[in-house]
């Protein structure tokens, strides 16, 4: 209401017209209630208000009054102050979770988003997604695991640049990961060994065509020409020895679950590392271990089929024999072999002209 001007919505104008007809006995109150889609008792209350207060009686009595459930300005100011200090680049969803967990302030994400948008925070804006063809999940846990490495400034300058070797089960959404200094054969073998020891050996692994996972055409031709294997990468050969099918994706979008996981972790996990003030690879892995449990407890889904297709690990020794780098080396006349620019002496007599040198993930 503004002076003598009565402000009404179109719905209220339509309602007022029917109520006036009910007052003028042109309609019964029961008929008016049916046309308005309200109960007879509510129609009777509206009729009484219009008789007592005139046209303004049609307007809800709480119009223009503050909501009794409204969050106080003191709490709002505190939320914005805390957000600007500790959570200034957090999205509304993650920030609302941290406010509840760390500050004891329970606030819906949409309320927080509205406040942040009014303050001009870019992090409060929703992200648009491109449309992609949806692929149905695998039915069994362990039927297929997506794997990849994520290069990112995980420690935000507080420590060295790290690579997260990440895994996600296609059927259950369960994730696993570990930080390494680079993405290569040893980190891939070590992380896969840790995954197997924790969950078992999966039936197949879905990954990209990084040279760690798939040998280049030149390497395949060279190795076949020299008679050294079938041209598989060391990681591919190791998984073949464990009877794990290796599936190579033709695009990042094809392995969308692991790509979306990395986007989530590059937002949420980075902030967890910041809050913990992690500055080394050991500290980062400690934070990651606790984060993985919390993430899996919250986001894991039940597979369509209950049977777990992860195979039991046959023994750590057999696993070590498979998950290692194997290289053929010529035995020299003085019973020595050269590997990685180092000379190794053979202590016992051998008539073999070549030996297989094994480099395990633990450096032995």
Protein backbone atom coordinates (compact mmCIF):
# COMPACT_ATOMS: atom_id res chain seq x y z
CA UNK A 1 0.00 0.00 0.00
CA UNK A 2 1.33 3.42 -0.93
CA UNK A 3 -0.80 6.38 0.31
CA UNK A 4 -4.32 5.96 -1.10
CA UNK A 5 -3.08 3.58 -3.79
CA UNK A 6 -3.88 -0.07 -3.18
CA UNK A 7 -1.33 -2.44 -4.75
CA UNK A 8 -2.69 -5.87 -5.60
CA UNK A 9 -1.55 -8.86 -7.58
CA UNK A 10 -3.65 -10.11 -10.49
CA UNK A 11 -4.63 -13.19 -8.49
CA UNK A 12 -5.92 -10.98 -5.67
CA UNK A 13 -7.93 -8.86 -8.11
CA UNK A 14 -9.59 -11.97 -9.53
CA UNK A 15 -10.29 -13.24 -6.02
CA UNK A 16 -11.74 -9.87 -4.95
CA UNK A 17 -14.19 -9.92 -7.85
CA UNK A 18 -15.59 -13.33 -6.86
CA UNK A 19 -15.72 -12.39 -3.16
CA UNK A 20 -17.70 -9.25 -3.97
CA UNK A 21 -20.17 -11.37 -5.95
CA UNK A 22 -20.51 -13.66 -2.94
CA UNK A 23 -21.15 -10.61 -0.69
CA UNK A 24 -23.75 -9.32 -3.18
CA UNK A 25 -25.46 -12.75 -3.06
CA UNK A 26 -24.78 -13.28 -6.77
CA UNK A 27 -22.85 -16.44 -5.74
CA UNK A 28 -23.05 -18.58 -2.68
CA UNK A 29 -19.93 -18.71 -0.53
CA UNK A 30 -19.63 -22.43 -1.30
CA UNK A 31 -19.66 -21.72 -5.06
CA UNK A 32 -17.09 -18.95 -4.61
CA UNK A 33 -14.80 -21.28 -2.65
CA UNK A 34 -14.95 -23.89 -5.45
CA UNK A 35 -14.11 -21.29 -8.12
CA UNK A 36 -11.19 -20.04 -6.01
CA UNK A 37 -9.92 -23.53 -5.20
CA UNK A 38 -10.07 -22.93 -1.43
CA UNK A 39 -12.06 -24.38 1.44
CA UNK A 40 -15.45 -22.98 2.46
CA UNK A 41 -14.08 -21.81 5.85
CA UNK A 42 -11.28 -19.89 4.15
CA UNK A 43 -13.78 -18.26 1.77
CA UNK A 44 -15.92 -17.23 4.78
CA UNK A 45 -12.89 -15.65 6.49
CA UNK A 46 -12.03 -13.65 3.35
CA UNK A 47 -15.66 -12.48 3.04
CA UNK A 48 -15.58 -11.21 6.65
CA UNK A 49 -12.26 -9.35 6.08
CA UNK A 50 -13.56 -7.64 2.93
CA UNK A 51 -16.78 -6.61 4.75
CA UNK A 52 -14.77 -5.22 7.70
CA UNK A 53 -11.78 -3.59 5.88
CA UNK A 54 -12.99 -3.08 2.33
CA UNK A 55 -10.90 -4.00 -0.71
CA UNK A 56 -7.64 -4.10 1.29
CA UNK A 57 -9.07 -7.06 3.24
CA UNK A 58 -8.27 -9.29 0.26
CA UNK A 59 -4.53 -8.70 0.77
CA UNK A 60 -2.68 -11.11 3.04
CA UNK A 61 -2.24 -9.57 6.47
CA UNK A 62 1.48 -10.37 6.58
CA UNK A 63 2.19 -8.50 3.35
CA UNK A 64 5.10 -6.11 3.89
CA UNK A 65 5.93 -7.47 7.37
CA UNK A 66 9.28 -9.19 8.06
CA UNK A 67 9.22 -12.98 8.19
CA UNK A 68 9.45 -14.30 11.74
CA UNK A 69 11.91 -16.94 10.46
CA UNK A 70 14.11 -14.36 8.81
CA UNK A 71 17.83 -14.68 9.60
CA UNK A 72 19.06 -11.72 11.61
CA UNK A 73 21.33 -9.09 10.06
CA UNK A 74 23.91 -9.86 12.76
CA UNK A 75 24.24 -13.47 11.58
CA UNK A 76 24.25 -12.38 7.94
CA UNK A 77 27.07 -9.91 8.60
CA UNK A 78 29.05 -12.62 10.45
CA UNK A 79 28.57 -15.10 7.60
CA UNK A 80 29.77 -12.60 5.00
CA UNK A 81 32.74 -11.64 7.18
CA UNK A 82 33.79 -15.28 7.73
CA UNK A 83 33.27 -16.10 4.05
CA UNK A 84 35.44 -13.18 2.98
CA UNK A 85 38.17 -14.32 5.34
CA UNK A 86 38.44 -18.13 5.14
CA UNK A 87 36.15 -19.18 2.31
CA UNK A 88 36.36 -16.32 -0.18
CA UNK A 89 36.59 -18.53 -3.31
CA UNK A 90 34.36 -21.36 -2.06
CA UNK A 91 31.16 -22.11 -3.97
CA UNK A 92 27.85 -21.68 -2.14
CA UNK A 93 27.36 -25.42 -1.58
CA UNK A 94 30.82 -26.08 -0.16
CA UNK A 95 30.81 -22.84 1.85
CA UNK A 96 27.47 -23.70 3.49
CA UNK A 97 28.87 -27.12 4.46
CA UNK A 98 32.01 -25.58 5.99
CA UNK A 99 30.01 -22.93 7.84
CA UNK A 100 27.92 -25.68 9.45
CA UNK A 101 30.88 -27.93 10.21
CA UNK A 102 33.53 -25.40 11.30
CA UNK A 103 31.56 -22.34 12.42
CA UNK A 104 28.32 -23.88 13.73
CA UNK A 105 26.19 -21.72 11.40
CA UNK A 106 23.52 -23.72 9.55
CA UNK A 107 22.42 -21.97 6.40
CA UNK A 108 20.87 -23.24 3.18
CA UNK A 109 23.12 -23.00 0.14
CA UNK A 110 20.53 -20.98 -1.82
CA UNK A 111 20.25 -18.37 0.94
CA UNK A 112 24.02 -18.10 1.01
CA UNK A 113 24.15 -17.97 -2.77
CA UNK A 114 21.65 -15.10 -2.80
CA UNK A 115 23.68 -13.14 -0.23
CA UNK A 116 26.96 -13.72 -2.06
CA UNK A 117 25.47 -12.79 -5.43
CA UNK A 118 24.19 -9.55 -3.93
CA UNK A 119 27.73 -8.84 -2.72
CA UNK A 120 29.13 -9.50 -6.20
CA UNK A 121 31.08 -12.70 -5.42
CA UNK A 122 31.83 -14.58 -8.65
CA UNK A 123 32.10 -17.92 -6.85
CA UNK A 124 28.36 -17.78 -6.13
CA UNK A 125 27.43 -18.05 -9.80
CA UNK A 126 26.22 -21.38 -11.14
CA UNK A 127 28.37 -23.07 -13.78
CA UNK A 128 26.84 -23.96 -17.10
CA UNK A 129 27.41 -27.48 -18.36
CA UNK A 130 27.73 -28.66 -21.92
CA UNK A 131 25.34 -31.38 -22.99
CA UNK A 132 26.95 -34.82 -23.28
CA UNK A 133 25.54 -38.21 -24.20
CA UNK A 134 24.90 -40.13 -20.99
CA UNK A 135 26.39 -43.61 -20.61
CA UNK A 136 24.78 -46.11 -18.26
CA UNK A 137 26.87 -47.17 -15.30
CA UNK A 138 28.34 -50.65 -15.16
CA UNK A 139 26.16 -53.03 -13.16
CA UNK A 140 28.81 -54.59 -10.89
CA UNK A 141 31.30 -53.05 -8.48
CA UNK A 142 34.79 -53.82 -9.81
CA UNK A 143 33.56 -54.41 -13.37
CA UNK A 144 35.32 -51.26 -14.56
CA UNK A 145 37.46 -48.66 -12.79
CA UNK A 146 38.25 -45.31 -14.40
CA UNK A 147 41.79 -44.08 -13.77
CA UNK A 148 43.74 -40.93 -14.62
CA UNK A 149 46.29 -38.44 -13.33
CA UNK A 150 45.41 -34.83 -12.50
CA UNK A 151 48.09 -32.16 -12.82
CA UNK A 152 47.13 -29.19 -10.65
CA UNK A 153 48.62 -26.73 -8.17
CA UNK A 154 47.10 -28.71 -5.30
CA UNK A 155 49.13 -26.97 -2.57
CA UNK A 156 48.65 -23.46 -4.04
CA UNK A 157 52.36 -22.61 -3.81
CA UNK A 158 52.87 -23.91 -0.26
CA UNK A 159 54.80 -26.92 -1.56
CA UNK A 160 55.84 -28.75 -4.73
CA UNK A 161 53.61 -29.30 -7.75
CA UNK A 162 51.87 -32.66 -7.37
CA UNK A 163 49.92 -35.09 -9.50
CA UNK A 164 46.87 -36.88 -8.11
CA UNK A 165 46.51 -40.44 -9.39
CA UNK A 166 42.76 -40.93 -9.11
CA UNK A 167 40.42 -43.92 -9.40
CA UNK A 168 36.63 -44.15 -9.47
CA UNK A 169 34.54 -47.31 -9.63
CA UNK A 170 32.08 -46.93 -12.49
CA UNK A 171 29.24 -48.77 -10.74
CA UNK A 172 29.45 -47.46 -7.17
CA UNK A 173 31.13 -44.04 -7.53
CA UNK A 174 33.68 -45.06 -4.87
CA UNK A 175 36.93 -43.15 -5.28
CA UNK A 176 40.57 -43.72 -4.42
CA UNK A 177 43.67 -41.61 -4.94
CA UNK A 178 47.20 -40.71 -3.93
CA UNK A 179 49.55 -37.81 -4.60
CA UNK A 180 52.83 -38.23 -6.49
CA UNK A 181 55.52 -35.91 -7.81
CA UNK A 182 54.83 -36.81 -11.45
CA UNK A 183 52.59 -38.94 -13.66
CA UNK A 184 54.58 -41.91 -14.87
CA UNK A 185 54.97 -45.67 -14.78
CA UNK A 186 56.14 -45.98 -11.15
CA UNK A 187 53.31 -43.77 -9.72
CA UNK A 188 50.78 -45.62 -11.88
CA UNK A 189 52.02 -49.03 -10.72
CA UNK A 190 52.27 -47.95 -7.07
CA UNK A 191 48.80 -46.39 -6.98
CA UNK A 192 47.26 -49.40 -8.71
CA UNK A 193 48.96 -51.72 -6.20
CA UNK A 194 47.54 -49.66 -3.32
CA UNK A 195 44.08 -49.76 -4.92
CA UNK A 196 44.26 -53.57 -5.29
CA UNK A 197 45.42 -54.08 -1.70
CA UNK A 198 42.49 -51.98 -0.46
CA UNK A 199 39.64 -53.12 -2.72
CA UNK A 200 40.88 -56.04 -4.85
CA UNK A 201 41.83 -56.44 -8.52
CA UNK A 202 39.21 -54.96 -10.92
CA UNK A 203 38.09 -56.66 -14.11
CA UNK A 204 39.00 -53.71 -16.34
CA UNK A 205 40.58 -50.26 -16.20
CA UNK A 206 39.38 -47.36 -18.36
CA UNK A 207 42.03 -44.72 -19.05
CA UNK A 208 43.34 -42.31 -21.67
CA UNK A 209 46.18 -42.70 -24.18
CA UNK A 210 48.89 -41.08 -22.09
CA UNK A 211 52.29 -42.62 -22.93
CA UNK A 212 52.36 -44.17 -19.45
CA UNK A 213 49.27 -46.23 -20.24
CA UNK A 214 49.68 -46.82 -23.98
CA UNK A 215 52.97 -47.02 -25.87
CA UNK A 216 53.34 -44.66 -28.81
CA UNK A 217 53.35 -46.04 -32.34
CA UNK A 218 57.11 -45.44 -32.58
CA UNK A 219 57.77 -47.34 -29.32
CA UNK A 220 55.52 -50.22 -30.37
CA UNK A 221 57.35 -50.62 -33.69
CA UNK A 222 60.79 -50.32 -32.04
CA UNK A 223 60.02 -52.91 -29.34
CA UNK A 224 58.55 -55.37 -31.82
CA UNK A 225 61.52 -54.91 -34.16
CA UNK A 226 63.91 -55.65 -31.29
CA UNK A 227 61.81 -58.61 -30.22
CA UNK A 228 61.17 -57.11 -26.80
CA UNK A 229 57.54 -57.85 -26.09
CA UNK A 230 54.41 -56.98 -28.02
CA UNK A 231 54.70 -53.21 -27.87
CA UNK A 232 52.67 -52.68 -24.70
CA UNK A 233 53.63 -49.97 -22.24
CA UNK A 234 55.10 -51.19 -18.95
CA UNK A 235 51.84 -50.37 -17.19
CA UNK A 236 49.78 -52.14 -19.86
CA UNK A 237 52.04 -55.20 -19.64
CA UNK A 238 51.73 -55.27 -15.84
CA UNK A 239 47.92 -55.18 -15.99
CA UNK A 240 47.91 -57.85 -18.70
CA UNK A 241 49.91 -60.06 -16.33
CA UNK A 242 47.15 -59.65 -13.73
CA UNK A 243 44.49 -60.43 -16.36
CA UNK A 244 43.04 -56.91 -16.15
CA UNK A 245 41.52 -55.61 -19.37
CA UNK A 246 42.85 -52.19 -20.40
CA UNK A 247 40.36 -49.95 -22.25
CA UNK A 248 41.63 -46.72 -23.81
CA UNK A 249 39.25 -43.77 -24.15
CA UNK A 250 39.28 -41.76 -27.37
CA UNK A 251 38.40 -38.47 -25.66
CA UNK A 252 38.30 -36.92 -22.16
CA UNK A 253 34.49 -36.81 -22.35
CA UNK A 254 34.37 -40.60 -22.80
CA UNK A 255 35.71 -41.08 -19.25
CA UNK A 256 33.49 -38.36 -17.87
CA UNK A 257 33.22 -39.70 -14.30
CA UNK A 258 36.93 -39.34 -13.55
CA UNK A 259 37.05 -35.96 -15.30
CA UNK A 260 34.11 -34.67 -13.24
CA UNK A 261 35.72 -36.10 -10.12
CA UNK A 262 38.90 -34.11 -10.78
CA UNK A 263 36.87 -30.91 -11.24
CA UNK A 264 35.24 -31.55 -7.87
CA UNK A 265 38.55 -32.33 -6.16
CA UNK A 266 40.30 -29.33 -7.70
CA UNK A 267 37.64 -27.25 -5.97
CA UNK A 268 36.93 -29.06 -2.69
CA UNK A 269 40.15 -30.97 -1.99
CA UNK A 270 42.30 -27.90 -2.70
CA UNK A 271 40.38 -26.02 -0.02
CA UNK A 272 40.69 -28.90 2.45
CA UNK A 273 44.45 -28.85 1.89
CA UNK A 274 44.44 -25.09 2.43
CA UNK A 275 42.47 -25.35 5.68
CA UNK A 276 44.91 -28.01 6.89
CA UNK A 277 47.85 -25.84 5.74
CA UNK A 278 49.39 -28.87 3.99
CA UNK A 279 52.78 -28.03 2.48
CA UNK A 280 54.34 -31.38 1.55
CA UNK A 281 53.41 -34.55 -0.30
CA UNK A 282 53.20 -36.50 2.98
CA UNK A 283 50.84 -33.96 4.55
CA UNK A 284 48.79 -33.85 1.32
CA UNK A 285 48.35 -37.63 1.36
CA UNK A 286 47.29 -37.53 5.03
CA UNK A 287 44.59 -34.96 4.22
CA UNK A 288 43.59 -36.92 1.12
CA UNK A 289 43.12 -40.14 3.11
CA UNK A 290 40.65 -38.54 5.52
CA UNK A 291 38.91 -36.69 2.67
CA UNK A 292 38.41 -39.90 0.66
CA UNK A 293 36.55 -41.56 3.54
CA UNK A 294 34.26 -38.56 4.00
CA UNK A 295 33.66 -38.26 0.25
CA UNK A 296 32.87 -41.97 -0.18
CA UNK A 297 30.54 -42.03 2.83
CA UNK A 298 28.55 -39.23 1.26
CA UNK A 299 28.58 -39.89 -2.49
CA UNK A 300 28.88 -43.66 -2.92
CA UNK A 301 25.88 -45.26 -4.68
CA UNK A 302 24.55 -48.81 -4.59
CA UNK A 303 25.45 -50.79 -7.75
CA UNK A 304 22.65 -52.33 -9.76
CA UNK A 305 23.99 -55.81 -8.96
CA UNK A 306 25.22 -56.74 -5.48
CA UNK A 307 28.03 -59.08 -6.57
CA UNK A 308 31.51 -57.57 -6.19
CA UNK A 309 33.69 -58.45 -9.20
CA UNK A 310 36.95 -57.34 -7.59
CA UNK A 311 39.24 -60.38 -7.47
CA UNK A 312 41.12 -61.31 -4.34
CA UNK A 313 44.81 -60.31 -4.38
CA UNK A 314 46.76 -63.59 -4.72
CA UNK A 315 49.53 -62.36 -2.43
CA UNK A 316 51.70 -59.29 -2.10
CA UNK A 317 54.71 -61.09 -3.59
CA UNK A 318 52.87 -62.08 -6.77
CA UNK A 319 51.47 -58.56 -6.96
CA UNK A 320 54.99 -57.13 -6.69
CA UNK A 321 56.22 -59.47 -9.42
CA UNK A 322 53.50 -58.22 -11.78
CA UNK A 323 53.47 -54.52 -10.88
CA UNK A 324 57.08 -53.69 -11.70
CA UNK A 325 59.12 -52.46 -14.67
CA UNK A 326 60.72 -55.37 -16.53
CA UNK A 327 63.63 -54.72 -18.90
CA UNK A 328 65.81 -57.12 -20.90
CA UNK A 329 69.56 -56.45 -20.59
CA UNK A 330 72.59 -58.03 -22.33
CA UNK A 331 75.03 -59.94 -20.10
CA UNK A 332 78.53 -58.64 -20.84
CA UNK A 333 81.67 -60.81 -20.99
CA UNK A 334 82.66 -59.79 -17.46
CA UNK A 335 79.25 -60.93 -16.15
CA UNK A 336 77.90 -57.42 -15.67
CA UNK A 337 74.77 -55.70 -16.93
CA UNK A 338 74.12 -51.99 -17.42
CA UNK A 339 70.79 -50.55 -16.28
CA UNK A 340 69.88 -46.88 -15.92
CA UNK A 341 73.54 -45.89 -16.49
CA UNK A 342 74.69 -48.08 -13.60
CA UNK A 343 76.84 -51.20 -13.74
CA UNK A 344 75.66 -54.31 -11.85
CA UNK A 345 77.91 -57.35 -11.18
CA UNK A 346 76.42 -60.86 -11.46
CA UNK A 347 77.79 -62.84 -8.49
CA UNK A 348 76.92 -66.34 -9.72
CA UNK A 349 77.88 -67.96 -13.00
CA UNK A 350 75.20 -67.91 -15.71
CA UNK A 351 75.20 -69.08 -19.29
CA UNK A 352 72.34 -66.72 -20.18
CA UNK A 353 73.10 -64.05 -22.74
CA UNK A 354 70.25 -61.84 -21.49
CA UNK A 355 68.71 -61.16 -18.10
CA UNK A 356 65.42 -59.58 -17.05
CA UNK A 357 65.94 -56.62 -14.72
CA UNK A 358 62.96 -55.81 -12.50
CA UNK A 359 62.44 -52.37 -10.99
CA UNK A 360 59.86 -52.45 -8.20
CA UNK A 361 57.75 -49.53 -7.05
CA UNK A 362 59.60 -49.40 -3.72
CA UNK A 363 62.87 -48.68 -5.55
CA UNK A 364 64.34 -52.17 -5.21
